[in-house]
Amino acid sequence: MPTQRKKDDAGVLLADPPTVDGVPDSDPDGRLPAEVLLNGGVARVPLWPIHADTPGKTDLLEVFWRQDAVTTLIYSDPKAGPITETEFLIPLDKDLFKGDGVAFLYYRVRPQPFGNPLTSEEKKLTIDRSVIPLPLLLDAQFPDVDFWGYLNCETVRPIWNGVYVKVPFQDLMENDVCELSWRGFSVLNGSEEFYVEGTAGQLSHVLSRAEADNRNGFTLPSIPFSPYLQQLINNCSITAMYKIRRAGDYIGQSRNALAKIDRLVVGSDLPCGPALN
């Protein structure tokens, strides 16, 4: 079916914009999914309103990519009449998506050997490479938990002095930045719906050469008891994950590690450690 005929402010005939697989038409910003950013994608050009419909006529289809005020021709192919296809698939090389920003995709059709050219409306595309999943690093560890995974009143390094997280040895380097994030929950399994307000936090640590080379891994500065842990008393839990940043770019992240928390003194309804404020 021919596309609807439209005109710009100057009265020039326009065609419908191209579409991009994986980008819903309902998204006006055209946010590109991680799969397209990593592997490249496919644009679809619908058949334009007035096209070569008899032998001897040809339409030259040109597709353009505009980003940062630079317009690049990424596709050019003559389509001989009579054109029977209802759309044309245009490969989008992954190199187009190297840098974050906003780009615009459009096409132009030029009848051959003569005729008025037709230009499409632009398709806005947003490139945000932060949606690409980072490579998975080894899980963080809570070195002070007991056999059942608990931090409790008997923990050797008391919870109220801070909770420690250990990062296993792996391919890390001196001056890598380890960014630790944690969250507390009012249940034992770290279910997000039971997140306890005020328990989320993060810290950054720059690795020394000794830490990067230590086959036993390294321990991060402790998660402070106040304000992050003091609300977690009984049948609670805490999760922790870390990211590694090298020369400004993230190179990987871990999954969430979990520790259970029980600060009730045996035979009492009172918690061990400092009382809540």
C-alpha atoms as a PDB file:
ATOM      1  CA  MET A   1       0.000   0.000   0.000  1.00  0.00           C
ATOM      2  CA  PRO A   2       1.459   3.433  -0.905  1.00  0.00           C
ATOM      3  CA  THR A   3       2.419   5.641   1.993  1.00  0.00           C
ATOM      4  CA  GLN A   4       0.530   8.777   2.816  1.00  0.00           C
ATOM      5  CA  ARG A   5       1.625  11.906   0.972  1.00  0.00           C
ATOM      6  CA  LYS A   6       2.805  14.727   3.225  1.00  0.00           C
ATOM      7  CA  LYS A   7       4.380  18.133   2.794  1.00  0.00           C
ATOM      8  CA  ASP A   8       6.906  20.103   4.802  1.00  0.00           C
ATOM      9  CA  ASP A   9       6.571  23.786   5.691  1.00  0.00           C
ATOM     10  CA  ALA A  10       7.812  24.769   2.227  1.00  0.00           C
ATOM     11  CA  GLY A  11       5.246  22.580   0.515  1.00  0.00           C
ATOM     12  CA  VAL A  12       7.793  19.964  -0.585  1.00  0.00           C
ATOM     13  CA  LEU A  13       6.353  16.469  -0.863  1.00  0.00           C
ATOM     14  CA  LEU A  14       7.529  14.141   1.921  1.00  0.00           C
ATOM     15  CA  ALA A  15       7.296  10.381   2.389  1.00  0.00           C
ATOM     16  CA  ASP A  16       6.887   8.371   5.565  1.00  0.00           C
ATOM     17  CA  PRO A  17      10.104   7.979   7.565  1.00  0.00           C
ATOM     18  CA  PRO A  18      12.011   4.695   7.619  1.00  0.00           C
ATOM     19  CA  THR A  19      11.529   2.358  10.561  1.00  0.00           C
ATOM     20  CA  VAL A  20      14.202   0.432  12.475  1.00  0.00           C
ATOM     21  CA  ASP A  21      13.707  -3.113  13.715  1.00  0.00           C
ATOM     22  CA  GLY A  22      13.614  -3.208  17.503  1.00  0.00           C
ATOM     23  CA  VAL A  23      12.552   0.437  17.822  1.00  0.00           C
ATOM     24  CA  PRO A  24       8.801   0.805  18.378  1.00  0.00           C
ATOM     25  CA  ASP A  25       7.024   3.557  16.480  1.00  0.00           C
ATOM     26  CA  SER A  26       5.446   4.563  19.807  1.00  0.00           C
ATOM     27  CA  ASP A  27       8.851   5.752  21.078  1.00  0.00           C
ATOM     28  CA  PRO A  28       9.373   9.314  19.769  1.00  0.00           C
ATOM     29  CA  ASP A  29      13.028   9.284  20.853  1.00  0.00           C
ATOM     30  CA  GLY A  30      13.786   6.068  18.974  1.00  0.00           C
ATOM     31  CA  ARG A  31      15.901   4.502  21.703  1.00  0.00           C
ATOM     32  CA  LEU A  32      18.019   1.752  20.191  1.00  0.00           C
ATOM     33  CA  PRO A  33      18.149  -1.585  22.051  1.00  0.00           C
ATOM     34  CA  ALA A  34      21.410  -3.168  23.167  1.00  0.00           C
ATOM     35  CA  GLU A  35      21.246  -5.891  20.508  1.00  0.00           C
ATOM     36  CA  VAL A  36      21.223  -3.305  17.707  1.00  0.00           C
ATOM     37  CA  LEU A  37      23.984  -1.243  19.316  1.00  0.00           C
ATOM     38  CA  LEU A  38      26.191  -4.324  19.590  1.00  0.00           C
ATOM     39  CA  ASN A  39      25.469  -6.056  16.291  1.00  0.00           C
ATOM     40  CA  GLY A  40      24.045  -3.473  13.926  1.00  0.00           C
ATOM     41  CA  GLY A  41      20.471  -3.370  12.744  1.00  0.00           C
ATOM     42  CA  VAL A  42      18.018  -3.168   9.891  1.00  0.00           C
ATOM     43  CA  ALA A  43      16.046  -0.165   8.686  1.00  0.00           C
ATOM     44  CA  ARG A  44      12.952  -0.553   6.537  1.00  0.00           C
ATOM     45  CA  VAL A  45      12.027   1.913   3.825  1.00  0.00           C
ATOM     46  CA  PRO A  46       8.363   1.667   2.808  1.00  0.00           C
ATOM     47  CA  LEU A  47       7.492   2.022  -0.850  1.00  0.00           C
ATOM     48  CA  TRP A  48       7.232   5.720  -1.618  1.00  0.00           C
ATOM     49  CA  PRO A  49       4.020   7.332  -2.933  1.00  0.00           C
ATOM     50  CA  ILE A  50       5.079   7.886  -6.555  1.00  0.00           C
ATOM     51  CA  HIS A  51       7.417   5.153  -7.771  1.00  0.00           C
ATOM     52  CA  ALA A  52       8.746   3.611 -10.982  1.00  0.00           C
ATOM     53  CA  ASP A  53       5.800   1.480 -12.078  1.00  0.00           C
ATOM     54  CA  THR A  54       6.676   0.620 -15.674  1.00  0.00           C
ATOM     55  CA  PRO A  55       9.697  -0.873 -17.487  1.00  0.00           C
ATOM     56  CA  GLY A  56      12.291   1.698 -18.458  1.00  0.00           C
ATOM     57  CA  LYS A  57      11.772   3.770 -15.323  1.00  0.00           C
ATOM     58  CA  THR A  58      14.185   3.616 -12.385  1.00  0.00           C
ATOM     59  CA  ASP A  59      14.190   5.145  -8.908  1.00  0.00           C
ATOM     60  CA  LEU A  60      17.513   5.747  -7.184  1.00  0.00           C
ATOM     61  CA  LEU A  61      17.059   5.064  -3.475  1.00  0.00           C
ATOM     62  CA  GLU A  62      19.538   6.826  -1.197  1.00  0.00           C
ATOM     63  CA  VAL A  63      19.547   6.515   2.589  1.00  0.00           C
ATOM     64  CA  PHE A  64      21.243   9.080   4.820  1.00  0.00           C
ATOM     65  CA  TRP A  65      22.480   9.153   8.413  1.00  0.00           C
ATOM     66  CA  ARG A  66      22.738  12.570  10.073  1.00  0.00           C
ATOM     67  CA  GLN A  67      24.531  12.971  13.385  1.00  0.00           C
ATOM     68  CA  ASP A  68      26.395  15.902  14.946  1.00  0.00           C
ATOM     69  CA  ALA A  69      25.634  18.074  11.893  1.00  0.00           C
ATOM     70  CA  VAL A  70      27.348  15.560   9.590  1.00  0.00           C
ATOM     71  CA  THR A  71      25.261  13.791   6.940  1.00  0.00           C
ATOM     72  CA  THR A  72      26.532  10.487   5.529  1.00  0.00           C
ATOM     73  CA  LEU A  73      25.193   8.484   2.601  1.00  0.00           C
ATOM     74  CA  ILE A  74      24.935   4.903   3.895  1.00  0.00           C
ATOM     75  CA  TYR A  75      22.986   3.261   1.069  1.00  0.00           C
ATOM     76  CA  SER A  76      22.491   3.895  -2.653  1.00  0.00           C
ATOM     77  CA  ASP A  77      20.806   1.527  -5.084  1.00  0.00           C
ATOM     78  CA  PRO A  78      18.756   1.979  -8.267  1.00  0.00           C
ATOM     79  CA  LYS A  79      15.368   0.245  -8.204  1.00  0.00           C
ATOM     80  CA  ALA A  80      14.189  -0.707 -11.678  1.00  0.00           C
ATOM     81  CA  GLY A  81      10.533  -0.474 -12.573  1.00  0.00           C
ATOM     82  CA  PRO A  82       8.060  -1.847 -12.277  1.00  0.00           C
ATOM     83  CA  ILE A  83       8.771  -1.868  -8.545  1.00  0.00           C
ATOM     84  CA  THR A  84       6.719  -4.557  -6.820  1.00  0.00           C
ATOM     85  CA  GLU A  85       8.339  -4.609  -3.388  1.00  0.00           C
ATOM     86  CA  THR A  86       6.410  -2.955  -0.579  1.00  0.00           C
ATOM     87  CA  GLU A  87       9.523  -2.147   1.472  1.00  0.00           C
ATOM     88  CA  PHE A  88      13.307  -2.294   1.278  1.00  0.00           C
ATOM     89  CA  LEU A  89      15.670  -3.553   3.979  1.00  0.00           C
ATOM     90  CA  ILE A  90      18.637  -1.302   4.680  1.00  0.00           C
ATOM     91  CA  PRO A  91      21.544  -2.666   6.772  1.00  0.00           C
ATOM     92  CA  LEU A  92      22.746  -0.410   9.590  1.00  0.00           C
ATOM     93  CA  ASP A  93      26.374  -1.153  10.416  1.00  0.00           C
ATOM     94  CA  LYS A  94      27.242  -1.312  14.121  1.00  0.00           C
ATOM     95  CA  ASP A  95      29.924   1.336  13.540  1.00  0.00           C
ATOM     96  CA  LEU A  96      27.119   3.869  13.214  1.00  0.00           C
ATOM     97  CA  PHE A  97      26.388   3.381  16.914  1.00  0.00           C
ATOM     98  CA  LYS A  98      29.882   3.872  18.342  1.00  0.00           C
ATOM     99  CA  GLY A  99      29.162   7.099  20.187  1.00  0.00           C
ATOM    100  CA  ASP A 100      26.245   8.201  22.354  1.00  0.00           C
ATOM    101  CA  GLY A 101      23.970  10.871  20.958  1.00  0.00           C
ATOM    102  CA  VAL A 102      21.021  11.502  18.678  1.00  0.00           C
ATOM    103  CA  ALA A 103      20.959  10.637  14.990  1.00  0.00           C
ATOM    104  CA  PHE A 104      18.408  11.034  12.223  1.00  0.00           C
ATOM    105  CA  LEU A 105      17.731   8.521   9.460  1.00  0.00           C
ATOM    106  CA  TYR A 106      15.983   9.458   6.226  1.00  0.00           C
ATOM    107  CA  TYR A 107      15.925   8.559   2.543  1.00  0.00           C
ATOM    108  CA  ARG A 108      15.670  10.274  -0.808  1.00  0.00           C
ATOM    109  CA  VAL A 109      14.303   8.879  -4.070  1.00  0.00           C
ATOM    110  CA  ARG A 110      15.428  10.314  -7.402  1.00  0.00           C
ATOM    111  CA  PRO A 111      13.620   9.184 -10.562  1.00  0.00           C
ATOM    112  CA  GLN A 112      15.990   8.247 -13.382  1.00  0.00           C
ATOM    113  CA  PRO A 113      16.820   9.698 -15.849  1.00  0.00           C
ATOM    114  CA  PHE A 114      14.816  12.735 -14.708  1.00  0.00           C
ATOM    115  CA  GLY A 115      12.026  13.737 -12.360  1.00  0.00           C
ATOM    116  CA  ASN A 116      11.401  15.459  -9.060  1.00  0.00           C
ATOM    117  CA  PRO A 117      13.213  13.907  -6.069  1.00  0.00           C
ATOM    118  CA  LEU A 118      11.263  12.751  -3.043  1.00  0.00           C
ATOM    119  CA  THR A 119      12.634  13.020   0.505  1.00  0.00           C
ATOM    120  CA  SER A 120      11.264  11.246   3.555  1.00  0.00           C
ATOM    121  CA  GLU A 121      10.603  12.527   7.003  1.00  0.00           C
ATOM    122  CA  GLU A 122      13.409  11.818   9.470  1.00  0.00           C
ATOM    123  CA  LYS A 123      13.455   8.970  11.956  1.00  0.00           C
ATOM    124  CA  LYS A 124      14.963  10.094  15.257  1.00  0.00           C
ATOM    125  CA  LEU A 125      17.262   7.552  16.884  1.00  0.00           C
ATOM    126  CA  THR A 126      18.794   7.805  20.357  1.00  0.00           C
ATOM    127  CA  ILE A 127      22.101   6.036  20.982  1.00  0.00           C
ATOM    128  CA  ASP A 128      22.713   5.284  24.655  1.00  0.00           C
ATOM    129  CA  ARG A 129      25.330   2.586  25.074  1.00  0.00           C
ATOM    130  CA  SER A 130      24.718   2.375  28.819  1.00  0.00           C
ATOM    131  CA  VAL A 131      21.891  -0.081  28.000  1.00  0.00           C
ATOM    132  CA  ILE A 132      24.469  -2.627  26.820  1.00  0.00           C
ATOM    133  CA  PRO A 133      24.970  -5.266  29.532  1.00  0.00           C
ATOM    134  CA  LEU A 134      28.483  -5.248  30.931  1.00  0.00           C
ATOM    135  CA  PRO A 135      30.587  -8.420  30.949  1.00  0.00           C
ATOM    136  CA  LEU A 136      29.931 -10.484  34.064  1.00  0.00           C
ATOM    137  CA  LEU A 137      32.584 -10.422  36.793  1.00  0.00           C
ATOM    138  CA  LEU A 138      32.991 -12.884  39.657  1.00  0.00           C
ATOM    139  CA  ASP A 139      30.417 -12.579  42.416  1.00  0.00           C
ATOM    140  CA  ALA A 140      31.208 -10.433  45.420  1.00  0.00           C
ATOM    141  CA  GLN A 141      31.477 -12.236  48.765  1.00  0.00           C
ATOM    142  CA  PHE A 142      30.509 -11.454  52.345  1.00  0.00           C
ATOM    143  CA  PRO A 143      33.517 -13.042  54.088  1.00  0.00           C
ATOM    144  CA  ASP A 144      32.066 -12.803  57.612  1.00  0.00           C
ATOM    145  CA  VAL A 145      28.824 -14.772  57.102  1.00  0.00           C
ATOM    146  CA  ASP A 146      28.414 -18.080  58.934  1.00  0.00           C
ATOM    147  CA  PHE A 147      27.755 -21.493  57.370  1.00  0.00           C
ATOM    148  CA  TRP A 148      24.100 -20.563  56.743  1.00  0.00           C
ATOM    149  CA  GLY A 149      24.926 -17.200  55.201  1.00  0.00           C
ATOM    150  CA  TYR A 150      24.082 -15.055  58.235  1.00  0.00           C
ATOM    151  CA  LEU A 151      25.596 -11.973  59.783  1.00  0.00           C
ATOM    152  CA  ASN A 152      24.480 -12.052  63.414  1.00  0.00           C
ATOM    153  CA  CYS A 153      25.410 -11.192  66.986  1.00  0.00           C
ATOM    154  CA  GLU A 154      28.258 -13.723  66.895  1.00  0.00           C
ATOM    155  CA  THR A 155      29.913 -12.352  63.762  1.00  0.00           C
ATOM    156  CA  VAL A 156      33.623 -11.899  64.557  1.00  0.00           C
ATOM    157  CA  ARG A 157      33.785  -8.452  63.018  1.00  0.00           C
ATOM    158  CA  PRO A 158      30.619  -6.960  64.585  1.00  0.00           C
ATOM    159  CA  ILE A 159      27.996  -5.692  62.168  1.00  0.00           C
ATOM    160  CA  TRP A 160      27.894  -2.337  63.967  1.00  0.00           C
ATOM    161  CA  ASN A 161      31.532  -1.834  63.022  1.00  0.00           C
ATOM    162  CA  GLY A 162      30.560  -2.192  59.359  1.00  0.00           C
ATOM    163  CA  VAL A 163      29.948  -5.037  56.923  1.00  0.00           C
ATOM    164  CA  TYR A 164      32.768  -6.082  54.619  1.00  0.00           C
ATOM    165  CA  VAL A 165      32.592  -7.194  50.996  1.00  0.00           C
ATOM    166  CA  LYS A 166      35.376  -9.100  49.283  1.00  0.00           C
ATOM    167  CA  VAL A 167      36.129  -9.053  45.551  1.00  0.00           C
ATOM    168  CA  PRO A 168      37.682 -12.291  44.207  1.00  0.00           C
ATOM    169  CA  PHE A 169      40.923 -12.321  42.246  1.00  0.00           C
ATOM    170  CA  GLN A 170      40.421 -11.902  38.510  1.00  0.00           C
ATOM    171  CA  ASP A 171      41.852  -9.917  35.625  1.00  0.00           C
ATOM    172  CA  LEU A 172      41.976  -6.527  37.337  1.00  0.00           C
ATOM    173  CA  MET A 173      44.662  -3.875  37.201  1.00  0.00           C
ATOM    174  CA  GLU A 174      46.245  -1.237  39.392  1.00  0.00           C
ATOM    175  CA  ASN A 175      44.203   2.013  39.342  1.00  0.00           C
ATOM    176  CA  ASP A 176      41.005   0.235  38.336  1.00  0.00           C
ATOM    177  CA  VAL A 177      38.083   1.781  40.215  1.00  0.00           C
ATOM    178  CA  CYS A 178      35.804  -0.643  42.045  1.00  0.00           C
ATOM    179  CA  GLU A 179      32.338   0.824  42.604  1.00  0.00           C
ATOM    180  CA  LEU A 180      30.325  -1.067  45.217  1.00  0.00           C
ATOM    181  CA  SER A 181      26.538  -0.700  45.557  1.00  0.00           C
ATOM    182  CA  TRP A 182      24.324  -2.233  48.249  1.00  0.00           C
ATOM    183  CA  ARG A 183      20.678  -2.373  49.347  1.00  0.00           C
ATOM    184  CA  GLY A 184      18.900  -3.676  52.444  1.00  0.00           C
ATOM    185  CA  PHE A 185      15.639  -5.634  52.653  1.00  0.00           C
ATOM    186  CA  SER A 186      13.165  -6.614  55.372  1.00  0.00           C
ATOM    187  CA  VAL A 187      13.131 -10.255  54.169  1.00  0.00           C
ATOM    188  CA  LEU A 188      15.833 -12.907  53.938  1.00  0.00           C
ATOM    189  CA  ASN A 189      15.891 -13.288  50.145  1.00  0.00           C
ATOM    190  CA  GLY A 190      16.580  -9.712  49.014  1.00  0.00           C
ATOM    191  CA  SER A 191      13.228  -9.367  47.265  1.00  0.00           C
ATOM    192  CA  GLU A 192      13.048  -5.899  45.747  1.00  0.00           C
ATOM    193  CA  GLU A 193       9.483  -5.240  46.907  1.00  0.00           C
ATOM    194  CA  PHE A 194      10.747  -5.388  50.507  1.00  0.00           C
ATOM    195  CA  TYR A 195      13.527  -2.820  50.035  1.00  0.00           C
ATOM    196  CA  VAL A 196      14.092  -0.766  53.195  1.00  0.00           C
ATOM    197  CA  GLU A 197      14.214   2.947  52.502  1.00  0.00           C
ATOM    198  CA  GLY A 198      17.552   4.515  53.420  1.00  0.00           C
ATOM    199  CA  THR A 199      19.658   1.347  53.182  1.00  0.00           C
ATOM    200  CA  ALA A 200      20.981   1.858  49.646  1.00  0.00           C
ATOM    201  CA  GLY A 201      24.455   3.252  49.213  1.00  0.00           C
ATOM    202  CA  GLN A 202      27.677   3.038  47.261  1.00  0.00           C
ATOM    203  CA  LEU A 203      31.393   3.612  47.577  1.00  0.00           C
ATOM    204  CA  SER A 204      34.347   3.781  45.197  1.00  0.00           C
ATOM    205  CA  HIS A 205      37.787   2.302  45.770  1.00  0.00           C
ATOM    206  CA  VAL A 206      40.918   2.646  43.624  1.00  0.00           C
ATOM    207  CA  LEU A 207      42.874  -0.599  43.451  1.00  0.00           C
ATOM    208  CA  SER A 208      46.496  -0.695  44.465  1.00  0.00           C
ATOM    209  CA  ARG A 209      48.914  -2.971  42.634  1.00  0.00           C
ATOM    210  CA  ALA A 210      48.977  -5.289  45.656  1.00  0.00           C
ATOM    211  CA  GLU A 211      45.176  -5.593  45.632  1.00  0.00           C
ATOM    212  CA  ALA A 212      45.008  -6.262  41.887  1.00  0.00           C
ATOM    213  CA  ASP A 213      47.725  -8.938  42.127  1.00  0.00           C
ATOM    214  CA  ASN A 214      46.459 -10.599  45.312  1.00  0.00           C
ATOM    215  CA  ARG A 215      45.427 -14.176  44.455  1.00  0.00           C
ATOM    216  CA  ASN A 216      43.123 -14.158  47.467  1.00  0.00           C
ATOM    217  CA  GLY A 217      41.217 -11.121  46.229  1.00  0.00           C
ATOM    218  CA  PHE A 218      40.816  -7.913  48.177  1.00  0.00           C
ATOM    219  CA  THR A 219      38.401  -6.535  50.761  1.00  0.00           C
ATOM    220  CA  LEU A 220      36.698  -3.207  50.231  1.00  0.00           C
ATOM    221  CA  PRO A 221      36.195  -0.544  52.910  1.00  0.00           C
ATOM    222  CA  SER A 222      33.263  -1.563  55.090  1.00  0.00           C
ATOM    223  CA  ILE A 223      29.647  -0.635  54.507  1.00  0.00           C
ATOM    224  CA  PRO A 224      28.921   1.765  57.400  1.00  0.00           C
ATOM    225  CA  PHE A 225      26.470   0.559  60.034  1.00  0.00           C
ATOM    226  CA  SER A 226      24.878   4.001  60.284  1.00  0.00           C
ATOM    227  CA  PRO A 227      22.776   4.874  58.408  1.00  0.00           C
ATOM    228  CA  TYR A 228      22.685   1.848  56.106  1.00  0.00           C
ATOM    229  CA  LEU A 229      22.465  -1.185  58.408  1.00  0.00           C
ATOM    230  CA  GLN A 230      20.934  -0.098  61.682  1.00  0.00           C
ATOM    231  CA  GLN A 231      17.347  -0.664  60.469  1.00  0.00           C
ATOM    232  CA  LEU A 232      18.134  -4.286  59.495  1.00  0.00           C
ATOM    233  CA  ILE A 233      17.480  -6.283  62.679  1.00  0.00           C
ATOM    234  CA  ASN A 234      15.779  -9.648  62.208  1.00  0.00           C
ATOM    235  CA  ASN A 235      14.962 -11.784  59.156  1.00  0.00           C
ATOM    236  CA  CYS A 236      16.561  -9.133  56.965  1.00  0.00           C
ATOM    237  CA  SER A 237      19.134  -9.221  54.195  1.00  0.00           C
ATOM    238  CA  ILE A 238      21.581  -7.098  52.264  1.00  0.00           C
ATOM    239  CA  THR A 239      22.746  -7.405  48.662  1.00  0.00           C
ATOM    240  CA  ALA A 240      25.946  -6.049  47.162  1.00  0.00           C
ATOM    241  CA  MET A 241      27.311  -5.822  43.632  1.00  0.00           C
ATOM    242  CA  TYR A 242      30.269  -4.041  42.119  1.00  0.00           C
ATOM    243  CA  LYS A 243      31.359  -2.531  38.815  1.00  0.00           C
ATOM    244  CA  ILE A 244      34.920  -2.037  37.602  1.00  0.00           C
ATOM    245  CA  ARG A 245      35.862   1.132  35.765  1.00  0.00           C
ATOM    246  CA  ARG A 246      39.136   1.351  33.838  1.00  0.00           C
ATOM    247  CA  ALA A 247      40.377   4.573  32.243  1.00  0.00           C
ATOM    248  CA  GLY A 248      36.880   6.007  32.573  1.00  0.00           C
ATOM    249  CA  ASP A 249      34.975   3.113  30.996  1.00  0.00           C
ATOM    250  CA  TYR A 250      33.155   0.290  32.752  1.00  0.00           C
ATOM    251  CA  ILE A 251      34.619  -3.109  31.870  1.00  0.00           C
ATOM    252  CA  GLY A 252      32.278  -5.361  33.850  1.00  0.00           C
ATOM    253  CA  GLN A 253      29.967  -5.860  36.789  1.00  0.00           C
ATOM    254  CA  SER A 254      29.077  -8.631  39.204  1.00  0.00           C
ATOM    255  CA  ARG A 255      25.757 -10.142  40.077  1.00  0.00           C
ATOM    256  CA  ASN A 256      24.192  -9.405  43.449  1.00  0.00           C
ATOM    257  CA  ALA A 257      25.677 -11.248  46.426  1.00  0.00           C
ATOM    258  CA  LEU A 258      23.399 -11.706  49.428  1.00  0.00           C
ATOM    259  CA  ALA A 259      23.905 -11.940  53.183  1.00  0.00           C
ATOM    260  CA  LYS A 260      21.154 -12.629  55.722  1.00  0.00           C
ATOM    261  CA  ILE A 261      20.998 -10.478  58.837  1.00  0.00           C
ATOM    262  CA  ASP A 262      19.806 -11.439  62.333  1.00  0.00           C
ATOM    263  CA  ARG A 263      20.692  -9.042  65.163  1.00  0.00           C
ATOM    264  CA  LEU A 264      18.286 -10.352  67.793  1.00  0.00           C
ATOM    265  CA  VAL A 265      19.974 -11.500  70.985  1.00  0.00           C
ATOM    266  CA  VAL A 266      19.060 -15.119  71.721  1.00  0.00           C
ATOM    267  CA  GLY A 267      16.227 -15.224  74.267  1.00  0.00           C
ATOM    268  CA  SER A 268      15.530 -11.500  73.918  1.00  0.00           C
ATOM    269  CA  ASP A 269      13.551  -9.168  71.723  1.00  0.00           C
ATOM    270  CA  LEU A 270      16.396  -6.654  71.777  1.00  0.00           C
ATOM    271  CA  PRO A 271      18.977  -6.328  69.004  1.00  0.00           C
ATOM    272  CA  CYS A 272      22.680  -6.575  69.611  1.00  0.00           C
ATOM    273  CA  GLY A 273      24.722  -3.519  68.824  1.00  0.00           C
ATOM    274  CA  PRO A 274      23.699   0.121  69.010  1.00  0.00           C
ATOM    275  CA  ALA A 275      19.964   0.814  69.345  1.00  0.00           C
ATOM    276  CA  LEU A 276      18.006   2.583  66.651  1.00  0.00           C
ATOM    277  CA  ASN A 277      18.045   6.366  66.954  1.00  0.00           C
END
